[in-house]
N, C-alpha and C. Protein backbone atom coordinates (compact mmCIF):
# COMPACT_ATOMS: atom_id res chain seq x y z
N UNK A 1 -35.23 35.99 6.51
CA UNK A 1 -34.47 36.67 5.50
C UNK A 1 -35.09 36.39 4.13
N UNK A 2 -35.27 37.41 3.34
CA UNK A 2 -35.86 37.27 2.02
C UNK A 2 -34.86 36.64 1.05
N UNK A 3 -35.38 35.85 0.12
CA UNK A 3 -34.55 35.23 -0.90
C UNK A 3 -34.11 36.26 -1.93
N UNK A 4 -32.93 36.05 -2.49
CA UNK A 4 -32.44 36.90 -3.57
C UNK A 4 -33.29 36.67 -4.80
N UNK A 5 -33.83 37.72 -5.41
CA UNK A 5 -34.64 37.54 -6.61
C UNK A 5 -33.83 36.94 -7.75
N UNK A 6 -34.51 36.16 -8.57
CA UNK A 6 -33.92 35.56 -9.75
C UNK A 6 -34.47 36.27 -10.98
N UNK A 7 -33.59 36.68 -11.87
CA UNK A 7 -33.96 37.36 -13.11
C UNK A 7 -33.52 36.48 -14.28
N UNK A 8 -34.48 36.05 -15.08
CA UNK A 8 -34.19 35.23 -16.25
C UNK A 8 -34.44 36.05 -17.51
N UNK A 9 -33.47 36.08 -18.38
CA UNK A 9 -33.62 36.77 -19.66
C UNK A 9 -33.63 35.70 -20.74
N UNK A 10 -34.76 35.58 -21.46
CA UNK A 10 -34.93 34.56 -22.49
C UNK A 10 -34.82 35.18 -23.87
N UNK A 11 -33.96 34.60 -24.72
CA UNK A 11 -33.84 35.09 -26.08
C UNK A 11 -33.91 33.97 -27.11
N UNK A 12 -33.89 32.74 -26.67
CA UNK A 12 -33.87 31.59 -27.57
C UNK A 12 -35.25 30.98 -27.72
N UNK A 13 -35.54 30.49 -28.93
CA UNK A 13 -36.79 29.77 -29.14
C UNK A 13 -36.58 28.26 -29.12
N UNK A 14 -35.38 27.81 -28.74
CA UNK A 14 -35.11 26.37 -28.65
C UNK A 14 -35.88 25.74 -27.50
N UNK A 15 -36.54 24.63 -27.77
CA UNK A 15 -37.34 23.95 -26.75
C UNK A 15 -36.50 23.56 -25.55
N UNK A 16 -35.30 23.02 -25.78
CA UNK A 16 -34.52 22.56 -24.64
C UNK A 16 -34.12 23.72 -23.73
N UNK A 17 -33.80 24.87 -24.31
CA UNK A 17 -33.46 26.05 -23.52
C UNK A 17 -34.66 26.53 -22.72
N UNK A 18 -35.82 26.60 -23.38
CA UNK A 18 -37.02 27.07 -22.69
C UNK A 18 -37.53 26.05 -21.68
N UNK A 19 -37.30 24.76 -21.95
CA UNK A 19 -37.67 23.72 -20.99
C UNK A 19 -36.92 23.93 -19.68
N UNK A 20 -35.60 24.12 -19.81
CA UNK A 20 -34.78 24.35 -18.62
C UNK A 20 -35.16 25.66 -17.93
N UNK A 21 -35.35 26.72 -18.71
CA UNK A 21 -35.73 28.01 -18.12
C UNK A 21 -37.04 27.91 -17.35
N UNK A 22 -38.03 27.22 -17.92
CA UNK A 22 -39.32 27.10 -17.24
C UNK A 22 -39.21 26.27 -15.97
N UNK A 23 -38.34 25.27 -15.99
CA UNK A 23 -38.15 24.46 -14.78
C UNK A 23 -37.46 25.28 -13.69
N UNK A 24 -36.41 26.01 -14.06
CA UNK A 24 -35.70 26.85 -13.09
C UNK A 24 -36.66 27.89 -12.51
N UNK A 25 -37.40 28.57 -13.38
CA UNK A 25 -38.30 29.63 -12.92
C UNK A 25 -39.41 29.11 -12.03
N UNK A 26 -40.04 28.02 -12.43
CA UNK A 26 -41.18 27.53 -11.64
C UNK A 26 -40.73 26.93 -10.31
N UNK A 27 -39.60 26.22 -10.30
CA UNK A 27 -39.10 25.67 -9.03
C UNK A 27 -38.71 26.80 -8.08
N UNK A 28 -38.03 27.81 -8.60
CA UNK A 28 -37.64 28.95 -7.76
C UNK A 28 -38.88 29.66 -7.21
N UNK A 29 -39.87 29.88 -8.08
CA UNK A 29 -41.08 30.61 -7.65
C UNK A 29 -41.84 29.85 -6.57
N UNK A 30 -41.99 28.54 -6.74
CA UNK A 30 -42.73 27.79 -5.72
C UNK A 30 -41.90 27.56 -4.47
N UNK A 31 -40.59 27.83 -4.56
CA UNK A 31 -39.71 27.76 -3.39
C UNK A 31 -39.60 29.11 -2.69
N UNK A 32 -40.55 29.98 -2.97
CA UNK A 32 -40.67 31.30 -2.35
C UNK A 32 -39.52 32.23 -2.71
N UNK A 33 -38.97 32.05 -3.91
CA UNK A 33 -37.96 32.97 -4.42
C UNK A 33 -38.61 33.82 -5.50
N UNK A 34 -38.55 35.14 -5.39
CA UNK A 34 -39.13 35.98 -6.43
C UNK A 34 -38.41 35.76 -7.77
N UNK A 35 -39.20 35.61 -8.83
CA UNK A 35 -38.65 35.36 -10.17
C UNK A 35 -39.23 36.39 -11.12
N UNK A 36 -38.34 36.96 -11.95
CA UNK A 36 -38.72 37.93 -12.97
C UNK A 36 -38.18 37.43 -14.30
N UNK A 37 -39.07 37.23 -15.27
CA UNK A 37 -38.68 36.68 -16.57
C UNK A 37 -38.88 37.74 -17.64
N UNK A 38 -37.83 37.98 -18.42
CA UNK A 38 -37.86 38.94 -19.52
C UNK A 38 -37.75 38.15 -20.81
N UNK A 39 -38.78 38.25 -21.66
CA UNK A 39 -38.84 37.46 -22.89
C UNK A 39 -38.56 38.38 -24.07
N UNK A 40 -37.49 38.07 -24.81
CA UNK A 40 -37.05 38.93 -25.89
C UNK A 40 -36.66 38.10 -27.11
N UNK A 41 -36.25 38.78 -28.16
CA UNK A 41 -35.75 38.21 -29.41
C UNK A 41 -36.60 37.03 -29.86
N UNK A 42 -35.96 35.93 -30.27
CA UNK A 42 -36.70 34.79 -30.82
C UNK A 42 -37.63 34.12 -29.84
N UNK A 43 -37.35 34.25 -28.56
CA UNK A 43 -38.19 33.59 -27.55
C UNK A 43 -39.62 34.11 -27.56
N UNK A 44 -39.82 35.36 -27.95
CA UNK A 44 -41.17 35.95 -27.87
C UNK A 44 -42.16 35.21 -28.75
N UNK A 45 -41.70 34.68 -29.89
CA UNK A 45 -42.62 34.01 -30.82
C UNK A 45 -43.19 32.72 -30.23
N UNK A 46 -42.47 32.11 -29.30
CA UNK A 46 -42.96 30.90 -28.64
C UNK A 46 -44.22 31.22 -27.83
N UNK A 47 -44.34 32.46 -27.37
CA UNK A 47 -45.45 32.87 -26.52
C UNK A 47 -46.58 33.51 -27.31
N UNK A 48 -46.57 33.34 -28.63
CA UNK A 48 -47.63 33.89 -29.46
C UNK A 48 -48.95 33.16 -29.19
N UNK A 49 -50.00 33.94 -29.02
CA UNK A 49 -51.33 33.37 -28.80
C UNK A 49 -51.69 32.50 -30.00
N UNK A 50 -52.19 31.31 -29.74
CA UNK A 50 -52.60 30.41 -30.81
C UNK A 50 -51.54 29.41 -31.23
N UNK A 51 -50.29 29.59 -30.79
CA UNK A 51 -49.24 28.61 -31.08
C UNK A 51 -49.32 27.50 -30.04
N UNK A 52 -49.31 26.26 -30.49
CA UNK A 52 -49.46 25.15 -29.55
C UNK A 52 -48.47 24.03 -29.82
N UNK A 53 -48.12 23.31 -28.75
CA UNK A 53 -47.36 22.08 -28.84
C UNK A 53 -46.09 22.16 -29.65
N UNK A 54 -45.81 21.07 -30.36
CA UNK A 54 -44.56 20.90 -31.09
C UNK A 54 -44.33 22.02 -32.10
N UNK A 55 -45.38 22.51 -32.73
CA UNK A 55 -45.26 23.56 -33.72
C UNK A 55 -44.73 24.86 -33.15
N UNK A 56 -44.86 25.04 -31.88
CA UNK A 56 -44.38 26.24 -31.19
C UNK A 56 -42.86 26.31 -31.21
N UNK A 57 -42.21 25.14 -31.21
CA UNK A 57 -40.77 25.06 -31.00
C UNK A 57 -39.96 24.58 -32.20
N UNK A 58 -40.58 24.13 -33.25
CA UNK A 58 -39.83 23.61 -34.37
C UNK A 58 -39.61 22.11 -34.26
N UNK A 59 -38.76 21.58 -35.11
CA UNK A 59 -38.65 20.12 -35.20
C UNK A 59 -37.25 19.60 -34.87
N UNK A 60 -36.60 20.19 -33.89
CA UNK A 60 -35.29 19.67 -33.49
C UNK A 60 -35.47 18.26 -32.92
N UNK A 61 -34.43 17.43 -33.00
CA UNK A 61 -34.55 16.06 -32.45
C UNK A 61 -34.93 16.05 -30.97
N UNK A 62 -34.37 16.97 -30.19
CA UNK A 62 -34.69 16.99 -28.76
C UNK A 62 -36.15 17.39 -28.55
N UNK A 63 -36.64 18.35 -29.30
CA UNK A 63 -38.04 18.75 -29.19
C UNK A 63 -38.94 17.57 -29.49
N UNK A 64 -38.62 16.82 -30.54
CA UNK A 64 -39.41 15.65 -30.91
C UNK A 64 -39.43 14.64 -29.77
N UNK A 65 -38.27 14.42 -29.14
CA UNK A 65 -38.20 13.47 -28.02
C UNK A 65 -38.97 13.98 -26.81
N UNK A 66 -38.84 15.28 -26.51
CA UNK A 66 -39.58 15.84 -25.37
C UNK A 66 -41.09 15.70 -25.58
N UNK A 67 -41.54 15.94 -26.80
CA UNK A 67 -42.96 15.79 -27.10
C UNK A 67 -43.39 14.33 -27.01
N UNK A 68 -42.56 13.43 -27.53
CA UNK A 68 -42.89 11.99 -27.50
C UNK A 68 -42.99 11.49 -26.06
N UNK A 69 -42.15 12.03 -25.20
CA UNK A 69 -42.16 11.62 -23.78
C UNK A 69 -43.19 12.40 -22.97
N UNK A 70 -43.92 13.28 -23.65
CA UNK A 70 -44.96 14.09 -23.01
C UNK A 70 -44.40 14.96 -21.88
N UNK A 71 -43.23 15.54 -22.14
CA UNK A 71 -42.64 16.48 -21.18
C UNK A 71 -43.57 17.68 -21.07
N UNK A 72 -43.67 18.26 -19.91
CA UNK A 72 -44.54 19.44 -19.75
C UNK A 72 -44.13 20.55 -20.70
N UNK A 73 -45.11 21.22 -21.27
CA UNK A 73 -44.84 22.33 -22.18
C UNK A 73 -44.26 23.50 -21.39
N UNK A 74 -43.14 24.08 -21.84
CA UNK A 74 -42.53 25.19 -21.10
C UNK A 74 -43.47 26.38 -20.88
N UNK A 75 -44.28 26.73 -21.86
CA UNK A 75 -45.20 27.86 -21.69
C UNK A 75 -46.18 27.56 -20.55
N UNK A 76 -46.67 26.33 -20.51
CA UNK A 76 -47.58 25.94 -19.42
C UNK A 76 -46.87 25.94 -18.07
N UNK A 77 -45.59 25.54 -18.07
CA UNK A 77 -44.83 25.53 -16.81
C UNK A 77 -44.62 26.95 -16.28
N UNK A 78 -44.38 27.90 -17.20
CA UNK A 78 -44.29 29.29 -16.74
C UNK A 78 -45.62 29.72 -16.11
N UNK A 79 -46.72 29.34 -16.72
CA UNK A 79 -48.04 29.66 -16.17
C UNK A 79 -48.25 29.05 -14.80
N UNK A 80 -47.83 27.82 -14.62
CA UNK A 80 -47.96 27.17 -13.31
C UNK A 80 -47.09 27.87 -12.27
N UNK A 81 -45.88 28.27 -12.66
CA UNK A 81 -45.01 28.99 -11.74
C UNK A 81 -45.64 30.29 -11.29
N UNK A 82 -46.28 31.00 -12.22
CA UNK A 82 -46.97 32.26 -11.88
C UNK A 82 -48.13 32.00 -10.94
N UNK A 83 -48.85 30.93 -11.20
CA UNK A 83 -50.04 30.62 -10.41
C UNK A 83 -49.66 30.20 -8.99
N UNK A 84 -48.56 29.47 -8.85
CA UNK A 84 -48.20 28.88 -7.57
C UNK A 84 -47.13 29.63 -6.78
N UNK A 85 -46.50 30.62 -7.41
CA UNK A 85 -45.41 31.30 -6.74
C UNK A 85 -45.34 32.77 -7.09
N UNK A 86 -44.22 33.36 -6.75
CA UNK A 86 -43.98 34.78 -6.96
C UNK A 86 -43.19 34.96 -8.25
N UNK A 87 -43.89 35.01 -9.39
CA UNK A 87 -43.23 35.15 -10.68
C UNK A 87 -43.91 36.23 -11.50
N UNK A 88 -43.09 37.07 -12.12
CA UNK A 88 -43.61 38.04 -13.08
C UNK A 88 -42.92 37.82 -14.41
N UNK A 89 -43.66 38.06 -15.50
CA UNK A 89 -43.13 37.89 -16.84
C UNK A 89 -43.33 39.17 -17.63
N UNK A 90 -42.28 39.57 -18.33
CA UNK A 90 -42.28 40.82 -19.07
C UNK A 90 -41.90 40.58 -20.52
N UNK A 91 -42.65 41.14 -21.43
CA UNK A 91 -42.35 41.06 -22.85
C UNK A 91 -41.47 42.25 -23.23
N UNK A 92 -40.45 41.99 -24.01
CA UNK A 92 -39.54 43.04 -24.47
C UNK A 92 -40.29 44.02 -25.37
N UNK A 93 -40.34 45.26 -24.96
CA UNK A 93 -41.10 46.27 -25.71
C UNK A 93 -40.50 46.50 -27.10
N UNK A 94 -39.18 46.42 -27.24
CA UNK A 94 -38.57 46.64 -28.54
C UNK A 94 -38.95 45.54 -29.53
N UNK A 95 -38.91 44.28 -29.09
CA UNK A 95 -39.25 43.17 -29.98
C UNK A 95 -40.72 43.23 -30.37
N UNK A 96 -41.58 43.57 -29.43
CA UNK A 96 -43.00 43.72 -29.77
C UNK A 96 -43.17 44.80 -30.84
N UNK A 97 -42.45 45.89 -30.69
CA UNK A 97 -42.52 46.97 -31.66
C UNK A 97 -42.03 46.52 -33.04
N UNK A 98 -40.91 45.81 -33.08
CA UNK A 98 -40.35 45.32 -34.35
C UNK A 98 -41.34 44.39 -35.04
N UNK A 99 -42.00 43.53 -34.27
CA UNK A 99 -42.96 42.59 -34.85
C UNK A 99 -44.31 43.23 -35.17
N UNK A 100 -44.53 44.44 -34.67
CA UNK A 100 -45.85 45.07 -34.84
C UNK A 100 -46.89 44.43 -33.94
N UNK A 101 -46.44 43.87 -32.82
CA UNK A 101 -47.32 43.19 -31.87
C UNK A 101 -47.59 44.10 -30.68
N UNK A 102 -48.63 43.72 -29.93
CA UNK A 102 -48.85 44.25 -28.60
C UNK A 102 -49.17 43.07 -27.71
N UNK A 103 -49.55 43.32 -26.49
CA UNK A 103 -49.78 42.23 -25.55
C UNK A 103 -50.93 41.31 -25.96
N UNK A 104 -51.82 41.78 -26.82
CA UNK A 104 -52.93 40.93 -27.28
C UNK A 104 -52.45 39.79 -28.18
N UNK A 105 -51.22 39.88 -28.68
CA UNK A 105 -50.66 38.81 -29.52
C UNK A 105 -50.04 37.69 -28.68
N UNK A 106 -49.95 37.90 -27.39
CA UNK A 106 -49.27 36.95 -26.51
C UNK A 106 -50.26 36.07 -25.75
N UNK A 107 -49.77 34.93 -25.28
CA UNK A 107 -50.57 34.01 -24.47
C UNK A 107 -51.26 34.80 -23.36
N UNK A 108 -52.54 34.58 -23.21
CA UNK A 108 -53.31 35.34 -22.21
C UNK A 108 -52.92 34.96 -20.79
N UNK A 109 -53.00 35.94 -19.92
CA UNK A 109 -52.81 35.78 -18.47
C UNK A 109 -51.42 35.28 -18.09
N UNK A 110 -50.43 35.52 -18.95
CA UNK A 110 -49.08 35.08 -18.62
C UNK A 110 -48.15 36.26 -18.38
N UNK A 111 -48.31 37.32 -19.15
CA UNK A 111 -47.42 38.47 -19.05
C UNK A 111 -48.00 39.56 -18.15
N UNK A 112 -47.09 40.23 -17.45
CA UNK A 112 -47.47 41.33 -16.57
C UNK A 112 -47.36 42.67 -17.28
N UNK A 113 -46.92 42.64 -18.54
CA UNK A 113 -46.81 43.86 -19.31
C UNK A 113 -45.56 43.84 -20.15
N UNK A 114 -45.23 45.03 -20.68
CA UNK A 114 -44.03 45.22 -21.48
C UNK A 114 -42.97 45.92 -20.64
N UNK A 115 -41.72 45.69 -21.02
CA UNK A 115 -40.62 46.35 -20.33
C UNK A 115 -39.46 46.48 -21.30
N UNK A 116 -38.67 47.53 -21.13
CA UNK A 116 -37.46 47.69 -21.92
C UNK A 116 -36.29 46.99 -21.25
N UNK A 117 -35.29 46.67 -22.05
CA UNK A 117 -34.11 45.98 -21.54
C UNK A 117 -33.40 46.79 -20.47
N UNK A 118 -33.30 48.10 -20.66
CA UNK A 118 -32.60 48.94 -19.68
C UNK A 118 -33.24 48.83 -18.30
N UNK A 119 -34.55 48.90 -18.25
CA UNK A 119 -35.27 48.79 -16.97
C UNK A 119 -35.06 47.41 -16.36
N UNK A 120 -35.17 46.36 -17.19
CA UNK A 120 -35.00 45.00 -16.67
C UNK A 120 -33.61 44.83 -16.08
N UNK A 121 -32.57 45.26 -16.80
CA UNK A 121 -31.22 45.11 -16.29
C UNK A 121 -30.98 45.94 -15.04
N UNK A 122 -31.60 47.11 -14.97
CA UNK A 122 -31.50 47.93 -13.76
C UNK A 122 -32.12 47.21 -12.57
N UNK A 123 -33.30 46.64 -12.78
CA UNK A 123 -33.96 45.88 -11.72
C UNK A 123 -33.13 44.67 -11.30
N UNK A 124 -32.50 44.02 -12.30
CA UNK A 124 -31.75 42.79 -12.05
C UNK A 124 -30.50 43.01 -11.21
N UNK A 125 -30.08 44.25 -11.04
CA UNK A 125 -28.91 44.53 -10.21
C UNK A 125 -29.12 44.10 -8.76
N UNK A 126 -30.36 43.95 -8.34
CA UNK A 126 -30.63 43.55 -6.96
C UNK A 126 -30.74 42.04 -6.77
N UNK A 127 -30.50 41.27 -7.84
CA UNK A 127 -30.63 39.83 -7.73
C UNK A 127 -29.62 39.09 -8.58
N UNK A 128 -29.97 37.86 -8.91
CA UNK A 128 -29.14 36.99 -9.73
C UNK A 128 -29.72 36.96 -11.14
N UNK A 129 -28.88 37.22 -12.15
CA UNK A 129 -29.32 37.27 -13.55
C UNK A 129 -28.80 36.07 -14.31
N UNK A 130 -29.72 35.41 -15.03
CA UNK A 130 -29.36 34.29 -15.91
C UNK A 130 -29.93 34.62 -17.28
N UNK A 131 -29.08 34.49 -18.30
CA UNK A 131 -29.51 34.73 -19.68
C UNK A 131 -29.53 33.40 -20.42
N UNK A 132 -30.65 33.12 -21.06
CA UNK A 132 -30.79 31.84 -21.78
C UNK A 132 -31.35 32.09 -23.16
């Protein structure tokens, strides 16, 4: 029996939120559960090409602690989930348009393309949806 697909909708640029989202997504993907991640609103800036480490997430106390403890970077964890499991990542086409960005502004080899919210929500009807 096939696993129910997991749909994650990311809108926050908070490190703790993205840390949890990347852990959920990568564990599900390597556990042979299809995962679809939709990156929108403030979360998209975290995936900007050239943004690295602590500067990617700001200076919240939890982010500082996660960096000090050398917690895995959420962007890298999404990449590992894609490499090791069944995960697709989609950039919100509206947010890219608002920012004047295209896929070349995003971390390479992580996104499968752009998608609109309507399409993502329609697809998510066949699985479990989590918004973070």
